[in-house]
């Protein structure tokens, strides 16, 4: 339970983790879904994934 709360707490502050088996290139960015919360995420820089506001 504590691990679930701390994992989703990171998503509240826009620090997501992609589903690594499902990362695709859209021609400009790498995109995927967050492993923890399921929202669409876009890679901002190496190792930094932020919520993709175009995929709400």
PDB file of N, CA and C in Angstrom:
ATOM      1  N   UNK A   1       0.815  -1.191   0.000  1.00  0.00           N
ATOM      2  CA  UNK A   1       0.000   0.000   0.000  1.00  0.00           C
ATOM      3  C   UNK A   1       0.862   1.260   0.000  1.00  0.00           C
ATOM      4  N   UNK A   2       1.900   1.290   0.832  1.00  0.00           N
ATOM      5  CA  UNK A   2       2.771   2.459   0.905  1.00  0.00           C
ATOM      6  C   UNK A   2       3.484   2.671  -0.430  1.00  0.00           C
ATOM      7  N   UNK A   3       3.910   1.585  -1.073  1.00  0.00           N
ATOM      8  CA  UNK A   3       4.578   1.705  -2.362  1.00  0.00           C
ATOM      9  C   UNK A   3       3.626   2.290  -3.398  1.00  0.00           C
ATOM     10  N   UNK A   4       2.354   1.887  -3.396  1.00  0.00           N
ATOM     11  CA  UNK A   4       1.369   2.411  -4.345  1.00  0.00           C
ATOM     12  C   UNK A   4       1.174   3.907  -4.146  1.00  0.00           C
ATOM     13  N   UNK A   5       1.106   4.348  -2.897  1.00  0.00           N
ATOM     14  CA  UNK A   5       0.918   5.767  -2.613  1.00  0.00           C
ATOM     15  C   UNK A   5       2.133   6.562  -3.067  1.00  0.00           C
ATOM     16  N   UNK A   6       3.331   6.084  -2.790  1.00  0.00           N
ATOM     17  CA  UNK A   6       4.528   6.822  -3.193  1.00  0.00           C
ATOM     18  C   UNK A   6       4.693   6.827  -4.699  1.00  0.00           C
ATOM     19  N   UNK A   7       4.300   5.764  -5.396  1.00  0.00           N
ATOM     20  CA  UNK A   7       4.388   5.717  -6.846  1.00  0.00           C
ATOM     21  C   UNK A   7       3.435   6.718  -7.478  1.00  0.00           C
ATOM     22  N   UNK A   8       2.188   6.729  -7.060  1.00  0.00           N
ATOM     23  CA  UNK A   8       1.216   7.656  -7.624  1.00  0.00           C
ATOM     24  C   UNK A   8       1.472   9.084  -7.185  1.00  0.00           C
ATOM     25  N   UNK A   9       2.119   9.269  -6.076  1.00  0.00           N
ATOM     26  CA  UNK A   9       2.494  10.600  -5.611  1.00  0.00           C
ATOM     27  C   UNK A   9       3.449  11.246  -6.606  1.00  0.00           C
ATOM     28  N   UNK A  10       4.360  10.464  -7.182  1.00  0.00           N
ATOM     29  CA  UNK A  10       5.282  10.984  -8.192  1.00  0.00           C
ATOM     30  C   UNK A  10       4.515  11.443  -9.424  1.00  0.00           C
ATOM     31  N   UNK A  11       3.480  10.730  -9.815  1.00  0.00           N
ATOM     32  CA  UNK A  11       2.679  11.114 -10.984  1.00  0.00           C
ATOM     33  C   UNK A  11       1.950  12.434 -10.740  1.00  0.00           C
ATOM     34  N   UNK A  12       1.566  12.709  -9.502  1.00  0.00           N
ATOM     35  CA  UNK A  12       0.915  13.981  -9.194  1.00  0.00           C
ATOM     36  C   UNK A  12       1.828  15.162  -9.489  1.00  0.00           C
ATOM     37  N   UNK A  13       3.135  14.952  -9.380  1.00  0.00           N
ATOM     38  CA  UNK A  13       4.102  16.009  -9.651  1.00  0.00           C
ATOM     39  C   UNK A  13       4.722  15.877 -11.039  1.00  0.00           C
ATOM     40  N   UNK A  14       4.003  15.206 -11.945  1.00  0.00           N
ATOM     41  CA  UNK A  14       4.371  15.079 -13.350  1.00  0.00           C
ATOM     42  C   UNK A  14       5.714  14.372 -13.547  1.00  0.00           C
ATOM     43  N   UNK A  15       5.962  13.338 -12.758  1.00  0.00           N
ATOM     44  CA  UNK A  15       7.166  12.519 -12.892  1.00  0.00           C
ATOM     45  C   UNK A  15       6.717  11.100 -13.187  1.00  0.00           C
ATOM     46  N   UNK A  16       6.600  10.807 -14.478  1.00  0.00           N
ATOM     47  CA  UNK A  16       6.028   9.549 -14.914  1.00  0.00           C
ATOM     48  C   UNK A  16       7.100   8.558 -15.340  1.00  0.00           C
ATOM     49  N   UNK A  17       6.687   7.301 -15.438  1.00  0.00           N
ATOM     50  CA  UNK A  17       7.558   6.221 -15.896  1.00  0.00           C
ATOM     51  C   UNK A  17       6.834   5.501 -17.031  1.00  0.00           C
ATOM     52  N   UNK A  18       7.446   5.426 -18.222  1.00  0.00           N
ATOM     53  CA  UNK A  18       6.745   4.827 -19.356  1.00  0.00           C
ATOM     54  C   UNK A  18       6.684   3.309 -19.282  1.00  0.00           C
ATOM     55  N   UNK A  19       5.745   2.743 -20.020  1.00  0.00           N
ATOM     56  CA  UNK A  19       5.714   1.301 -20.239  1.00  0.00           C
ATOM     57  C   UNK A  19       6.782   1.048 -21.298  1.00  0.00           C
ATOM     58  N   UNK A  20       7.916   0.497 -20.903  1.00  0.00           N
ATOM     59  CA  UNK A  20       9.077   0.422 -21.786  1.00  0.00           C
ATOM     60  C   UNK A  20       8.862  -0.461 -23.014  1.00  0.00           C
ATOM     61  N   UNK A  21       7.969  -1.430 -22.932  1.00  0.00           N
ATOM     62  CA  UNK A  21       7.704  -2.292 -24.088  1.00  0.00           C
ATOM     63  C   UNK A  21       6.794  -1.631 -25.109  1.00  0.00           C
ATOM     64  N   UNK A  22       6.225  -0.478 -24.772  1.00  0.00           N
ATOM     65  CA  UNK A  22       5.229   0.170 -25.623  1.00  0.00           C
ATOM     66  C   UNK A  22       5.638   1.586 -26.034  1.00  0.00           C
ATOM     67  N   UNK A  23       6.911   1.915 -26.031  1.00  0.00           N
ATOM     68  CA  UNK A  23       7.387   3.248 -26.421  1.00  0.00           C
ATOM     69  C   UNK A  23       7.459   3.320 -27.933  1.00  0.00           C
ATOM     70  N   UNK A  24       6.884   4.386 -28.499  1.00  0.00           N
ATOM     71  CA  UNK A  24       6.920   4.569 -29.949  1.00  0.00           C
ATOM     72  C   UNK A  24       7.436   5.965 -30.281  1.00  0.00           C
ATOM     73  N   UNK A  25       7.902   6.122 -31.516  1.00  0.00           N
ATOM     74  CA  UNK A  25       8.398   7.393 -32.030  1.00  0.00           C
ATOM     75  C   UNK A  25       7.309   7.985 -32.918  1.00  0.00           C
ATOM     76  N   UNK A  26       6.874   9.215 -32.637  1.00  0.00           N
ATOM     77  CA  UNK A  26       5.809   9.828 -33.429  1.00  0.00           C
ATOM     78  C   UNK A  26       6.333  10.780 -34.496  1.00  0.00           C
ATOM     79  N   UNK A  27       7.629  10.806 -34.705  1.00  0.00           N
ATOM     80  CA  UNK A  27       8.241  11.692 -35.686  1.00  0.00           C
ATOM     81  C   UNK A  27       8.894  12.894 -35.049  1.00  0.00           C
ATOM     82  N   UNK A  28       8.545  13.197 -33.818  1.00  0.00           N
ATOM     83  CA  UNK A  28       9.137  14.326 -33.106  1.00  0.00           C
ATOM     84  C   UNK A  28       9.564  13.948 -31.686  1.00  0.00           C
ATOM     85  N   UNK A  29       8.833  13.025 -31.055  1.00  0.00           N
ATOM     86  CA  UNK A  29       9.100  12.636 -29.668  1.00  0.00           C
ATOM     87  C   UNK A  29       8.815  11.155 -29.473  1.00  0.00           C
ATOM     88  N   UNK A  30       9.374  10.613 -28.397  1.00  0.00           N
ATOM     89  CA  UNK A  30       8.995   9.271 -27.963  1.00  0.00           C
ATOM     90  C   UNK A  30       7.757   9.416 -27.097  1.00  0.00           C
ATOM     91  N   UNK A  31       6.769   8.560 -27.312  1.00  0.00           N
ATOM     92  CA  UNK A  31       5.533   8.607 -26.541  1.00  0.00           C
ATOM     93  C   UNK A  31       5.219   7.220 -26.007  1.00  0.00           C
ATOM     94  N   UNK A  32       4.466   7.180 -24.924  1.00  0.00           N
ATOM     95  CA  UNK A  32       4.060   5.923 -24.312  1.00  0.00           C
ATOM     96  C   UNK A  32       2.937   6.222 -23.335  1.00  0.00           C
ATOM     97  N   UNK A  33       2.588   5.252 -22.521  1.00  0.00           N
ATOM     98  CA  UNK A  33       1.657   5.435 -21.408  1.00  0.00           C
ATOM     99  C   UNK A  33       2.433   5.247 -20.116  1.00  0.00           C
ATOM    100  N   UNK A  34       2.012   5.945 -19.077  1.00  0.00           N
ATOM    101  CA  UNK A  34       2.677   5.833 -17.785  1.00  0.00           C
ATOM    102  C   UNK A  34       2.425   4.453 -17.193  1.00  0.00           C
ATOM    103  N   UNK A  35       3.467   3.845 -16.670  1.00  0.00           N
ATOM    104  CA  UNK A  35       3.384   2.525 -16.060  1.00  0.00           C
ATOM    105  C   UNK A  35       2.537   2.551 -14.788  1.00  0.00           C
ATOM    106  N   UNK A  36       2.560   3.669 -14.065  1.00  0.00           N
ATOM    107  CA  UNK A  36       1.866   3.752 -12.780  1.00  0.00           C
ATOM    108  C   UNK A  36       0.426   4.239 -12.900  1.00  0.00           C
ATOM    109  N   UNK A  37       0.192   5.320 -13.655  1.00  0.00           N
ATOM    110  CA  UNK A  37      -1.149   5.913 -13.675  1.00  0.00           C
ATOM    111  C   UNK A  37      -1.878   5.718 -15.003  1.00  0.00           C
ATOM    112  N   UNK A  38      -1.163   5.329 -16.060  1.00  0.00           N
ATOM    113  CA  UNK A  38      -1.809   5.038 -17.327  1.00  0.00           C
ATOM    114  C   UNK A  38      -2.013   6.226 -18.248  1.00  0.00           C
ATOM    115  N   UNK A  39      -1.625   7.424 -17.844  1.00  0.00           N
ATOM    116  CA  UNK A  39      -1.816   8.588 -18.707  1.00  0.00           C
ATOM    117  C   UNK A  39      -0.789   8.584 -19.836  1.00  0.00           C
ATOM    118  N   UNK A  40      -1.093   9.313 -20.905  1.00  0.00           N
ATOM    119  CA  UNK A  40      -0.166   9.432 -22.020  1.00  0.00           C
ATOM    120  C   UNK A  40       1.028  10.284 -21.621  1.00  0.00           C
ATOM    121  N   UNK A  41       2.240   9.819 -21.926  1.00  0.00           N
ATOM    122  CA  UNK A  41       3.449  10.560 -21.568  1.00  0.00           C
ATOM    123  C   UNK A  41       4.339  10.736 -22.790  1.00  0.00           C
ATOM    124  N   UNK A  42       5.135  11.792 -22.758  1.00  0.00           N
ATOM    125  CA  UNK A  42       6.047  12.138 -23.839  1.00  0.00           C
ATOM    126  C   UNK A  42       7.427  12.354 -23.221  1.00  0.00           C
ATOM    127  N   UNK A  43       8.483  11.872 -23.900  1.00  0.00           N
ATOM    128  CA  UNK A  43       9.831  12.042 -23.350  1.00  0.00           C
ATOM    129  C   UNK A  43      10.320  13.452 -23.612  1.00  0.00           C
ATOM    130  N   UNK A  44      10.631  14.169 -22.547  1.00  0.00           N
ATOM    131  CA  UNK A  44      11.119  15.541 -22.638  1.00  0.00           C
ATOM    132  C   UNK A  44      12.625  15.552 -22.906  1.00  0.00           C
ATOM    133  N   UNK A  45      13.358  14.744 -22.201  1.00  0.00           N
ATOM    134  CA  UNK A  45      14.795  14.547 -22.417  1.00  0.00           C
ATOM    135  C   UNK A  45      15.120  13.142 -21.920  1.00  0.00           C
ATOM    136  N   UNK A  46      16.362  12.744 -22.051  1.00  0.00           N
ATOM    137  CA  UNK A  46      16.709  11.379 -21.680  1.00  0.00           C
ATOM    138  C   UNK A  46      16.387  11.112 -20.213  1.00  0.00           C
ATOM    139  N   UNK A  47      15.479  10.162 -19.983  1.00  0.00           N
ATOM    140  CA  UNK A  47      15.096   9.786 -18.631  1.00  0.00           C
ATOM    141  C   UNK A  47      14.039  10.663 -17.997  1.00  0.00           C
ATOM    142  N   UNK A  48      13.566  11.703 -18.706  1.00  0.00           N
ATOM    143  CA  UNK A  48      12.560  12.613 -18.154  1.00  0.00           C
ATOM    144  C   UNK A  48      11.283  12.487 -18.973  1.00  0.00           C
ATOM    145  N   UNK A  49      10.257  11.940 -18.355  1.00  0.00           N
ATOM    146  CA  UNK A  49       8.965  11.729 -19.012  1.00  0.00           C
ATOM    147  C   UNK A  49       7.925  12.605 -18.348  1.00  0.00           C
ATOM    148  N   UNK A  50       7.205  13.368 -19.157  1.00  0.00           N
ATOM    149  CA  UNK A  50       6.162  14.270 -18.672  1.00  0.00           C
ATOM    150  C   UNK A  50       4.826  13.909 -19.318  1.00  0.00           C
ATOM    151  N   UNK A  51       3.755  14.318 -18.690  1.00  0.00           N
ATOM    152  CA  UNK A  51       2.423  14.034 -19.222  1.00  0.00           C
ATOM    153  C   UNK A  51       2.251  14.724 -20.571  1.00  0.00           C
ATOM    154  N   UNK A  52       1.692  14.003 -21.515  1.00  0.00           N
ATOM    155  CA  UNK A  52       1.425  14.532 -22.852  1.00  0.00           C
ATOM    156  C   UNK A  52       0.026  15.131 -22.837  1.00  0.00           C
ATOM    157  N   UNK A  53      -0.077  16.445 -22.775  1.00  0.00           N
ATOM    158  CA  UNK A  53      -1.367  17.112 -22.667  1.00  0.00           C
ATOM    159  C   UNK A  53      -2.177  17.007 -23.949  1.00  0.00           C
ATOM    160  N   UNK A  54      -1.575  16.572 -25.034  1.00  0.00           N
ATOM    161  CA  UNK A  54      -2.314  16.357 -26.283  1.00  0.00           C
ATOM    162  C   UNK A  54      -3.077  15.045 -26.251  1.00  0.00           C
ATOM    163  N   UNK A  55      -2.725  14.139 -25.355  1.00  0.00           N
ATOM    164  CA  UNK A  55      -3.367  12.823 -25.250  1.00  0.00           C
ATOM    165  C   UNK A  55      -4.137  12.692 -23.939  1.00  0.00           C
ATOM    166  N   UNK A  56      -5.038  13.562 -23.682  1.00  0.00           N
ATOM    167  CA  UNK A  56      -5.820  13.480 -22.444  1.00  0.00           C
ATOM    168  C   UNK A  56      -6.816  12.426 -22.584  1.00  0.00           C
TER     169      UNK A  56
END
